[in-house]
Amino acid sequence: MSNIKWPFLFLAIAAVACMGGVGIAISYRSIIGAVFSLIAFIVVMGFGFTLKRKYKNES
């Protein structure tokens, strides 16, 4: 457990927060908030996959 990759943990928490933001925005009936949270989720996940590929190619 001492081999935690902190950037991936941060990105996972950020992705969960974005998904939660979509749910909260929908509950407040805010289409703009839901769209913004969805776009942020896509950006965070894309950056995470890019970072994972970068780490995989280095080793």
C-alpha atoms as a PDB file:
ATOM      1  CA  MET A   1       0.000   0.000   0.000  1.00  0.00           C
ATOM      2  CA  SER A   2       3.025   2.263   0.214  1.00  0.00           C
ATOM      3  CA  ASN A   3       3.178   2.482  -3.588  1.00  0.00           C
ATOM      4  CA  ILE A   4       0.356   4.998  -3.998  1.00  0.00           C
ATOM      5  CA  LYS A   5       0.450   7.013  -7.201  1.00  0.00           C
ATOM      6  CA  TRP A   6      -0.843  10.323  -5.883  1.00  0.00           C
ATOM      7  CA  PRO A   7      -1.713  11.931  -9.242  1.00  0.00           C
ATOM      8  CA  PHE A   8      -4.037   9.033 -10.059  1.00  0.00           C
ATOM      9  CA  LEU A   9      -5.703   9.247  -6.647  1.00  0.00           C
ATOM     10  CA  PHE A  10      -6.281  12.969  -7.126  1.00  0.00           C
ATOM     11  CA  LEU A  11      -7.718  12.421 -10.600  1.00  0.00           C
ATOM     12  CA  ALA A  12     -10.030   9.661  -9.349  1.00  0.00           C
ATOM     13  CA  ILE A  13     -11.364  11.918  -6.587  1.00  0.00           C
ATOM     14  CA  ALA A  14     -11.805  14.771  -9.085  1.00  0.00           C
ATOM     15  CA  ALA A  15     -13.728  12.483 -11.472  1.00  0.00           C
ATOM     16  CA  VAL A  16     -16.041  11.342  -8.673  1.00  0.00           C
ATOM     17  CA  ALA A  17     -16.604  14.975  -7.685  1.00  0.00           C
ATOM     18  CA  CYS A  18     -17.526  15.805 -11.291  1.00  0.00           C
ATOM     19  CA  MET A  19     -20.022  12.928 -11.400  1.00  0.00           C
ATOM     20  CA  GLY A  20     -21.459  14.144  -8.124  1.00  0.00           C
ATOM     21  CA  GLY A  21     -21.666  17.625  -9.604  1.00  0.00           C
ATOM     22  CA  VAL A  22     -23.761  16.288 -12.459  1.00  0.00           C
ATOM     23  CA  GLY A  23     -26.179  14.731  -9.986  1.00  0.00           C
ATOM     24  CA  ILE A  24     -26.389  17.867  -7.883  1.00  0.00           C
ATOM     25  CA  ALA A  25     -26.932  20.041 -10.955  1.00  0.00           C
ATOM     26  CA  ILE A  26     -29.706  17.764 -12.155  1.00  0.00           C
ATOM     27  CA  SER A  27     -31.376  17.898  -8.744  1.00  0.00           C
ATOM     28  CA  TYR A  28     -31.311  21.708  -8.920  1.00  0.00           C
ATOM     29  CA  ARG A  29     -32.583  21.528 -12.531  1.00  0.00           C
ATOM     30  CA  SER A  30     -29.534  23.397 -13.783  1.00  0.00           C
ATOM     31  CA  ILE A  31     -28.716  22.321 -17.313  1.00  0.00           C
ATOM     32  CA  ILE A  32     -25.704  24.638 -17.469  1.00  0.00           C
ATOM     33  CA  GLY A  33     -24.245  23.143 -14.294  1.00  0.00           C
ATOM     34  CA  ALA A  34     -24.809  19.598 -15.535  1.00  0.00           C
ATOM     35  CA  VAL A  35     -23.167  20.340 -18.874  1.00  0.00           C
ATOM     36  CA  PHE A  36     -20.218  22.057 -17.181  1.00  0.00           C
ATOM     37  CA  SER A  37     -19.746  19.134 -14.789  1.00  0.00           C
ATOM     38  CA  LEU A  38     -19.982  16.633 -17.640  1.00  0.00           C
ATOM     39  CA  ILE A  39     -17.362  18.512 -19.666  1.00  0.00           C
ATOM     40  CA  ALA A  40     -15.108  18.715 -16.596  1.00  0.00           C
ATOM     41  CA  PHE A  41     -15.545  14.949 -16.100  1.00  0.00           C
ATOM     42  CA  ILE A  42     -14.536  14.242 -19.696  1.00  0.00           C
ATOM     43  CA  VAL A  43     -11.472  16.487 -19.355  1.00  0.00           C
ATOM     44  CA  VAL A  44     -10.384  14.863 -16.075  1.00  0.00           C
ATOM     45  CA  MET A  45     -10.838  11.335 -17.420  1.00  0.00           C
ATOM     46  CA  GLY A  46      -9.024  12.181 -20.647  1.00  0.00           C
ATOM     47  CA  PHE A  47      -6.112  13.654 -18.722  1.00  0.00           C
ATOM     48  CA  GLY A  48      -6.033  10.562 -16.507  1.00  0.00           C
ATOM     49  CA  PHE A  49      -5.868   8.176 -19.457  1.00  0.00           C
ATOM     50  CA  THR A  50      -3.170  10.309 -21.083  1.00  0.00           C
ATOM     51  CA  LEU A  51      -1.136  10.313 -17.877  1.00  0.00           C
ATOM     52  CA  LYS A  52      -1.537   6.550 -17.509  1.00  0.00           C
ATOM     53  CA  ARG A  53      -0.269   5.987 -21.053  1.00  0.00           C
ATOM     54  CA  LYS A  54       2.682   8.285 -20.351  1.00  0.00           C
ATOM     55  CA  TYR A  55       3.625   6.328 -17.212  1.00  0.00           C
ATOM     56  CA  LYS A  56       3.194   3.008 -19.037  1.00  0.00           C
ATOM     57  CA  ASN A  57       5.471   4.076 -21.896  1.00  0.00           C
ATOM     58  CA  GLU A  58       8.181   5.249 -19.481  1.00  0.00           C
ATOM     59  CA  SER A  59       8.496   1.867 -17.770  1.00  0.00           C
END
